[in-house]
């Protein structure tokens, strides 16, 4: 049994709290909003973000970071990428080098184009080197909460730390694999959300499976190019954190990012789509960060650039589809 602090009580944070509790851990779930924390304490159910699943007694809920982090052995953060730096800065006085820091956020910081590992290390650099693990892979919160079979990846530069998280969270319904390619896993988790927006737009235009399959496959090539350029491994992108999560997010009806693209393809405005969503569609912000990163590194990412232009420069989904098909002919090799 481990003492686990889960920072973030959205749908995925709540689902991971259930996973940790089912694996016989002592769990403290921190909610940013005092109102959400009070509701969780009173109702013992996240009726806003993950309704229908009772929280067991082994999950304590709090709005106090000091209380959530007290005596924690594992700190599992599940917050939007654009607030990751702020949340870690707020946690800093309560953190200890003995903790293992598990990040379940999929994104890239817009201002710096840093991966989440880099953001967290930047915040903690004057205190200590964090024992860092990234948790990623194909995992819709609702299905995990229903205890349906799921397989994900815990990646760390130290396989020992990854193995500790594997042991702490695994069950006969939630299988955790280990990996030591943090860069590959983080880039895969971030960029697949951009590809889901593109795939959703294809759906919204009424195009069929041929178009979707082509886009997802070429999207994987883009993800791989960027990951390898940053020092990740191509084989990671063929695994759960890469292809697995890409397929789930691009084709699953529970995908928030796919929904954004779908509605854009149907002609709706981005502002109207986002205003209807309770949780963040990470791909919207990641498209901007990834486009800037690819440009800086000289990595060719036409789908990512096209999605950025669609979200931020007014390019229509139909124009994006046409331009991708009219690009110069080339070899398939990455």
Protein backbone atom coordinates (compact mmCIF):
# COMPACT_ATOMS: atom_id res chain seq x y z
CA UNK A 1 0.00 0.00 0.00
CA UNK A 2 1.21 3.51 -0.92
CA UNK A 3 0.06 6.94 0.19
CA UNK A 4 -0.89 8.68 -3.05
CA UNK A 5 -1.82 12.33 -3.54
CA UNK A 6 -3.78 12.92 -6.73
CA UNK A 7 -3.70 16.57 -7.74
CA UNK A 8 -6.65 17.35 -9.98
CA UNK A 9 -10.24 16.14 -9.64
CA UNK A 10 -11.44 16.26 -13.22
CA UNK A 11 -12.65 13.13 -14.97
CA UNK A 12 -9.19 11.54 -15.40
CA UNK A 13 -7.98 12.52 -11.94
CA UNK A 14 -11.10 11.00 -10.41
CA UNK A 15 -10.74 7.84 -12.50
CA UNK A 16 -7.11 7.46 -11.41
CA UNK A 17 -8.18 7.93 -7.78
CA UNK A 18 -10.52 4.97 -8.27
CA UNK A 19 -7.70 2.96 -9.85
CA UNK A 20 -5.37 3.73 -6.95
CA UNK A 21 -8.04 2.88 -4.38
CA UNK A 22 -8.86 -0.42 -6.08
CA UNK A 23 -5.17 -1.30 -5.84
CA UNK A 24 -5.46 -0.92 -2.04
CA UNK A 25 -3.68 2.42 -1.73
CA UNK A 26 -4.46 5.29 0.63
CA UNK A 27 -5.59 8.13 -1.64
CA UNK A 28 -6.03 11.86 -1.17
CA UNK A 29 -7.74 13.63 -4.05
CA UNK A 30 -7.18 17.39 -4.35
CA UNK A 31 -9.73 19.57 -6.13
CA UNK A 32 -8.77 23.08 -7.22
CA UNK A 33 -12.27 24.36 -6.60
CA UNK A 34 -13.50 24.49 -2.99
CA UNK A 35 -17.02 23.95 -4.30
CA UNK A 36 -16.02 20.78 -6.17
CA UNK A 37 -14.16 19.48 -3.11
CA UNK A 38 -17.18 20.11 -0.90
CA UNK A 39 -19.45 18.37 -3.40
CA UNK A 40 -17.15 15.34 -3.56
CA UNK A 41 -16.99 15.14 0.23
CA UNK A 42 -20.77 15.42 0.57
CA UNK A 43 -21.96 13.31 -2.37
CA UNK A 44 -19.00 10.87 -2.56
CA UNK A 45 -19.40 11.12 -6.33
CA UNK A 46 -17.97 13.49 -8.95
CA UNK A 47 -21.32 14.56 -10.40
CA UNK A 48 -19.70 17.31 -12.46
CA UNK A 49 -16.85 15.52 -14.25
CA UNK A 50 -17.39 11.78 -13.75
CA UNK A 51 -20.95 11.05 -12.61
CA UNK A 52 -22.15 7.59 -11.68
CA UNK A 53 -19.14 6.30 -9.74
CA UNK A 54 -19.08 6.20 -5.96
CA UNK A 55 -15.84 7.16 -4.21
CA UNK A 56 -14.77 4.50 -1.68
CA UNK A 57 -13.85 5.45 1.87
CA UNK A 58 -10.14 5.02 1.05
CA UNK A 59 -10.31 8.22 -1.04
CA UNK A 60 -10.14 11.38 1.06
CA UNK A 61 -11.01 14.65 -0.70
CA UNK A 62 -9.52 18.04 0.08
CA UNK A 63 -9.06 21.55 -1.31
CA UNK A 64 -5.90 22.04 0.80
CA UNK A 65 -2.61 21.24 -0.96
CA UNK A 66 -0.72 20.85 2.31
CA UNK A 67 -3.26 18.30 3.51
CA UNK A 68 -3.24 16.45 0.19
CA UNK A 69 0.55 16.20 0.10
CA UNK A 70 1.23 15.43 3.76
CA UNK A 71 3.17 12.14 4.03
CA UNK A 72 2.48 11.33 0.36
CA UNK A 73 4.89 8.86 -1.23
CA UNK A 74 3.53 9.35 -4.75
CA UNK A 75 2.31 12.67 -6.16
CA UNK A 76 0.17 12.12 -9.24
CA UNK A 77 -0.70 15.34 -11.08
CA UNK A 78 -3.67 15.43 -13.44
CA UNK A 79 -4.05 19.10 -14.37
CA UNK A 80 -4.27 20.93 -17.72
CA UNK A 81 -0.86 21.57 -19.26
CA UNK A 82 -1.23 25.35 -19.19
CA UNK A 83 -1.52 25.35 -15.37
CA UNK A 84 1.09 22.66 -14.65
CA UNK A 85 3.80 25.20 -13.83
CA UNK A 86 1.47 27.18 -11.56
CA UNK A 87 0.26 24.10 -9.68
CA UNK A 88 3.80 22.80 -9.08
CA UNK A 89 4.85 26.24 -7.90
CA UNK A 90 2.01 26.20 -5.38
CA UNK A 91 2.95 22.69 -4.24
CA UNK A 92 6.66 23.46 -3.93
CA UNK A 93 6.76 24.19 -0.15
CA UNK A 94 5.15 20.80 0.53
CA UNK A 95 7.28 18.61 -1.74
CA UNK A 96 10.10 16.31 -0.70
CA UNK A 97 12.84 14.63 -2.78
CA UNK A 98 11.73 11.16 -1.57
CA UNK A 99 8.41 11.51 -3.42
CA UNK A 100 7.85 9.99 -6.85
CA UNK A 101 6.21 12.54 -9.15
CA UNK A 102 3.83 10.99 -11.64
CA UNK A 103 2.51 13.22 -14.41
CA UNK A 104 -0.68 12.26 -16.22
CA UNK A 105 -0.97 15.53 -18.19
CA UNK A 106 -0.64 15.35 -21.98
CA UNK A 107 0.54 18.61 -23.50
CA UNK A 108 3.30 21.11 -24.26
CA UNK A 109 3.68 24.47 -22.55
CA UNK A 110 2.85 27.18 -25.10
CA UNK A 111 5.20 29.90 -23.83
CA UNK A 112 8.32 27.73 -23.67
CA UNK A 113 7.47 24.69 -25.84
CA UNK A 114 8.62 22.57 -22.89
CA UNK A 115 7.35 19.06 -22.28
CA UNK A 116 5.72 18.52 -18.89
CA UNK A 117 8.85 16.83 -17.54
CA UNK A 118 10.86 19.91 -18.45
CA UNK A 119 8.29 22.23 -16.84
CA UNK A 120 8.31 20.27 -13.59
CA UNK A 121 12.10 20.04 -13.48
CA UNK A 122 12.28 23.78 -14.14
CA UNK A 123 10.04 24.54 -11.16
CA UNK A 124 11.94 22.18 -8.83
CA UNK A 125 15.48 22.85 -10.08
CA UNK A 126 16.54 24.95 -7.06
CA UNK A 127 15.16 22.37 -4.61
CA UNK A 128 15.97 18.88 -5.87
CA UNK A 129 15.92 16.58 -8.93
CA UNK A 130 12.48 14.97 -9.05
CA UNK A 131 11.92 11.24 -9.30
CA UNK A 132 9.82 11.65 -12.42
CA UNK A 133 7.40 9.26 -14.15
CA UNK A 134 5.04 10.00 -17.05
CA UNK A 135 1.79 7.99 -17.12
CA UNK A 136 0.22 7.81 -20.57
CA UNK A 137 -1.58 5.56 -23.00
CA UNK A 138 -5.06 4.78 -24.38
CA UNK A 139 -7.38 5.45 -21.45
CA UNK A 140 -10.80 7.09 -21.48
CA UNK A 141 -11.77 8.07 -17.93
CA UNK A 142 -15.29 6.66 -18.10
CA UNK A 143 -14.13 3.21 -19.19
CA UNK A 144 -11.40 3.15 -16.54
CA UNK A 145 -13.93 4.18 -13.91
CA UNK A 146 -16.17 1.29 -15.04
CA UNK A 147 -13.17 -0.98 -14.40
CA UNK A 148 -12.97 -2.11 -18.00
CA UNK A 149 -9.63 -3.62 -19.05
CA UNK A 150 -7.01 -0.99 -19.84
CA UNK A 151 -3.28 -0.96 -20.57
CA UNK A 152 -1.05 2.10 -20.23
CA UNK A 153 2.65 3.04 -19.85
CA UNK A 154 4.67 4.38 -16.93
CA UNK A 155 7.88 5.85 -18.33
CA UNK A 156 10.88 7.11 -16.39
CA UNK A 157 14.62 7.58 -16.86
CA UNK A 158 14.83 5.19 -13.89
CA UNK A 159 13.02 1.94 -14.57
CA UNK A 160 13.00 1.43 -10.81
CA UNK A 161 10.70 4.41 -10.32
CA UNK A 162 8.51 3.29 -13.21
CA UNK A 163 8.31 -0.18 -11.66
CA UNK A 164 7.18 1.32 -8.33
CA UNK A 165 4.28 3.03 -10.10
CA UNK A 166 3.55 -0.15 -12.02
CA UNK A 167 3.24 -2.06 -8.74
CA UNK A 168 1.23 0.67 -7.03
CA UNK A 169 -1.45 1.04 -9.71
CA UNK A 170 -1.71 -2.30 -11.51
CA UNK A 171 -4.60 -4.70 -11.06
CA UNK A 172 -6.16 -7.48 -13.11
CA UNK A 173 -8.16 -4.79 -14.96
CA UNK A 174 -5.58 -2.00 -15.16
CA UNK A 175 -2.27 -3.11 -16.64
CA UNK A 176 0.77 -0.82 -16.44
CA UNK A 177 3.80 -1.40 -18.65
CA UNK A 178 7.17 0.27 -18.00
CA UNK A 179 9.34 2.20 -20.44
CA UNK A 180 12.43 4.41 -20.14
CA UNK A 181 11.66 6.70 -23.10
CA UNK A 182 10.14 9.70 -21.34
CA UNK A 183 10.53 11.97 -24.37
CA UNK A 184 8.82 9.56 -26.77
CA UNK A 185 5.92 8.92 -24.40
CA UNK A 186 5.36 12.62 -23.68
CA UNK A 187 5.53 13.74 -27.31
CA UNK A 188 3.16 10.94 -28.32
CA UNK A 189 0.65 11.88 -25.64
CA UNK A 190 0.72 15.54 -26.62
CA UNK A 191 0.64 15.36 -30.42
CA UNK A 192 -2.00 12.63 -30.68
CA UNK A 193 -4.52 15.22 -29.44
CA UNK A 194 -3.68 17.46 -32.40
CA UNK A 195 -4.21 14.52 -34.74
CA UNK A 196 -7.57 13.81 -33.12
CA UNK A 197 -8.72 17.34 -33.98
CA UNK A 198 -7.67 16.75 -37.59
CA UNK A 199 -9.42 13.38 -37.72
CA UNK A 200 -12.56 14.85 -36.21
CA UNK A 201 -12.56 17.55 -38.88
CA UNK A 202 -12.36 14.86 -41.55
CA UNK A 203 -15.39 13.20 -39.96
CA UNK A 204 -17.20 16.53 -39.82
CA UNK A 205 -16.65 17.05 -43.54
CA UNK A 206 -18.37 13.75 -44.19
CA UNK A 207 -15.29 12.00 -45.54
CA UNK A 208 -14.89 8.26 -45.07
CA UNK A 209 -12.51 5.71 -43.61
CA UNK A 210 -9.92 6.01 -46.37
CA UNK A 211 -9.33 9.64 -45.49
CA UNK A 212 -9.28 8.95 -41.76
CA UNK A 213 -6.83 6.07 -42.09
CA UNK A 214 -4.50 8.12 -44.26
CA UNK A 215 -4.54 11.04 -41.84
CA UNK A 216 -3.92 8.94 -38.74
CA UNK A 217 -1.06 7.05 -40.38
CA UNK A 218 0.65 10.20 -41.62
CA UNK A 219 -0.05 11.77 -38.24
CA UNK A 220 1.91 8.97 -36.61
CA UNK A 221 4.79 9.75 -38.96
CA UNK A 222 4.75 13.38 -37.77
CA UNK A 223 4.67 12.37 -34.12
CA UNK A 224 7.59 10.03 -34.68
CA UNK A 225 9.68 12.64 -36.51
CA UNK A 226 9.30 15.12 -33.68
CA UNK A 227 9.93 12.58 -30.93
CA UNK A 228 13.09 11.25 -32.60
CA UNK A 229 14.36 14.78 -33.27
CA UNK A 230 14.04 15.52 -29.53
CA UNK A 231 15.82 12.30 -28.53
CA UNK A 232 12.94 9.84 -28.23
CA UNK A 233 12.74 6.39 -29.84
CA UNK A 234 10.67 5.50 -32.89
CA UNK A 235 9.59 2.18 -31.35
CA UNK A 236 7.87 4.02 -28.50
CA UNK A 237 5.56 5.66 -31.02
CA UNK A 238 4.50 2.21 -32.24
CA UNK A 239 3.39 1.23 -28.72
CA UNK A 240 0.59 2.05 -26.30
CA UNK A 241 1.58 5.68 -25.72
CA UNK A 242 1.89 6.28 -29.48
CA UNK A 243 -0.25 4.23 -31.83
CA UNK A 244 -2.49 2.97 -29.03
CA UNK A 245 -3.44 6.40 -27.73
CA UNK A 246 -3.58 7.86 -31.24
CA UNK A 247 -6.16 5.29 -32.39
CA UNK A 248 -8.25 5.75 -29.24
CA UNK A 249 -8.28 9.55 -29.41
CA UNK A 250 -8.85 9.81 -33.15
CA UNK A 251 -11.68 7.27 -33.39
CA UNK A 252 -13.25 7.14 -29.91
CA UNK A 253 -16.53 8.98 -29.39
CA UNK A 254 -15.45 9.97 -25.86
CA UNK A 255 -12.52 12.03 -27.19
CA UNK A 256 -12.85 15.75 -26.44
CA UNK A 257 -10.25 16.61 -29.09
CA UNK A 258 -12.02 14.59 -31.77
CA UNK A 259 -15.24 16.38 -30.84
CA UNK A 260 -13.60 19.78 -31.39
CA UNK A 261 -12.49 18.74 -34.86
CA UNK A 262 -15.85 17.17 -35.67
CA UNK A 263 -17.72 20.36 -34.88
CA UNK A 264 -15.20 22.48 -36.79
CA UNK A 265 -15.71 20.22 -39.80
CA UNK A 266 -19.46 20.82 -39.51
CA UNK A 267 -18.85 24.56 -39.77
CA UNK A 268 -19.09 25.68 -36.15
CA UNK A 269 -16.85 28.33 -34.55
CA UNK A 270 -14.08 27.21 -32.18
CA UNK A 271 -15.19 29.65 -29.48
CA UNK A 272 -18.70 28.20 -29.45
CA UNK A 273 -17.41 24.63 -29.28
CA UNK A 274 -15.01 25.34 -26.40
CA UNK A 275 -17.66 27.24 -24.45
CA UNK A 276 -19.78 24.08 -24.27
CA UNK A 277 -16.99 21.89 -22.86
CA UNK A 278 -16.46 21.47 -19.13
CA UNK A 279 -12.92 20.14 -19.48
CA UNK A 280 -9.94 21.16 -21.57
CA UNK A 281 -9.37 19.75 -25.06
CA UNK A 282 -5.56 19.75 -24.80
CA UNK A 283 -5.02 19.59 -28.56
CA UNK A 284 -6.22 23.17 -29.03
CA UNK A 285 -3.32 24.64 -27.05
CA UNK A 286 -0.88 21.90 -28.04
CA UNK A 287 -1.37 22.66 -31.74
CA UNK A 288 0.09 26.13 -31.20
CA UNK A 289 2.98 24.91 -29.02
CA UNK A 290 3.78 21.98 -31.34
CA UNK A 291 3.72 24.15 -34.45
CA UNK A 292 6.16 26.59 -32.86
CA UNK A 293 8.38 23.74 -31.66
CA UNK A 294 8.42 22.04 -35.07
CA UNK A 295 9.25 25.33 -36.78
CA UNK A 296 12.08 26.02 -34.33
CA UNK A 297 13.53 22.53 -34.82
CA UNK A 298 12.97 22.37 -38.57
CA UNK A 299 10.75 19.28 -38.32
CA UNK A 300 8.21 18.83 -41.10
CA UNK A 301 4.72 18.49 -39.55
CA UNK A 302 2.14 19.49 -42.18
CA UNK A 303 -0.90 18.12 -40.34
CA UNK A 304 0.07 19.87 -37.13
CA UNK A 305 0.69 23.13 -38.99
CA UNK A 306 -2.63 22.76 -40.76
CA UNK A 307 -4.51 22.21 -37.52
CA UNK A 308 -2.79 25.26 -36.03
CA UNK A 309 -3.88 27.32 -39.03
CA UNK A 310 -7.42 25.97 -38.76
CA UNK A 311 -7.64 26.84 -35.05
CA UNK A 312 -5.80 30.17 -35.02
CA UNK A 313 -5.69 31.60 -38.55
CA UNK A 314 -9.13 30.85 -39.94
CA UNK A 315 -8.23 28.12 -42.41
CA UNK A 316 -11.27 26.01 -43.23
CA UNK A 317 -11.25 22.24 -42.65
CA UNK A 318 -11.99 21.70 -46.34
CA UNK A 319 -9.05 23.87 -47.35
CA UNK A 320 -6.80 21.97 -44.93
CA UNK A 321 -7.85 18.62 -46.41
CA UNK A 322 -7.24 19.86 -49.95
CA UNK A 323 -3.79 21.27 -49.14
CA UNK A 324 -2.67 18.06 -47.47
CA UNK A 325 -3.64 16.05 -50.54
CA UNK A 326 -1.96 18.53 -52.92
CA UNK A 327 1.45 18.49 -51.22
CA UNK A 328 4.42 17.43 -53.40
CA UNK A 329 4.68 13.69 -53.92
CA UNK A 330 7.36 11.96 -51.85
CA UNK A 331 8.55 8.70 -50.36
CA UNK A 332 6.56 7.25 -47.46
CA UNK A 333 9.71 6.78 -45.38
CA UNK A 334 9.78 8.90 -42.23
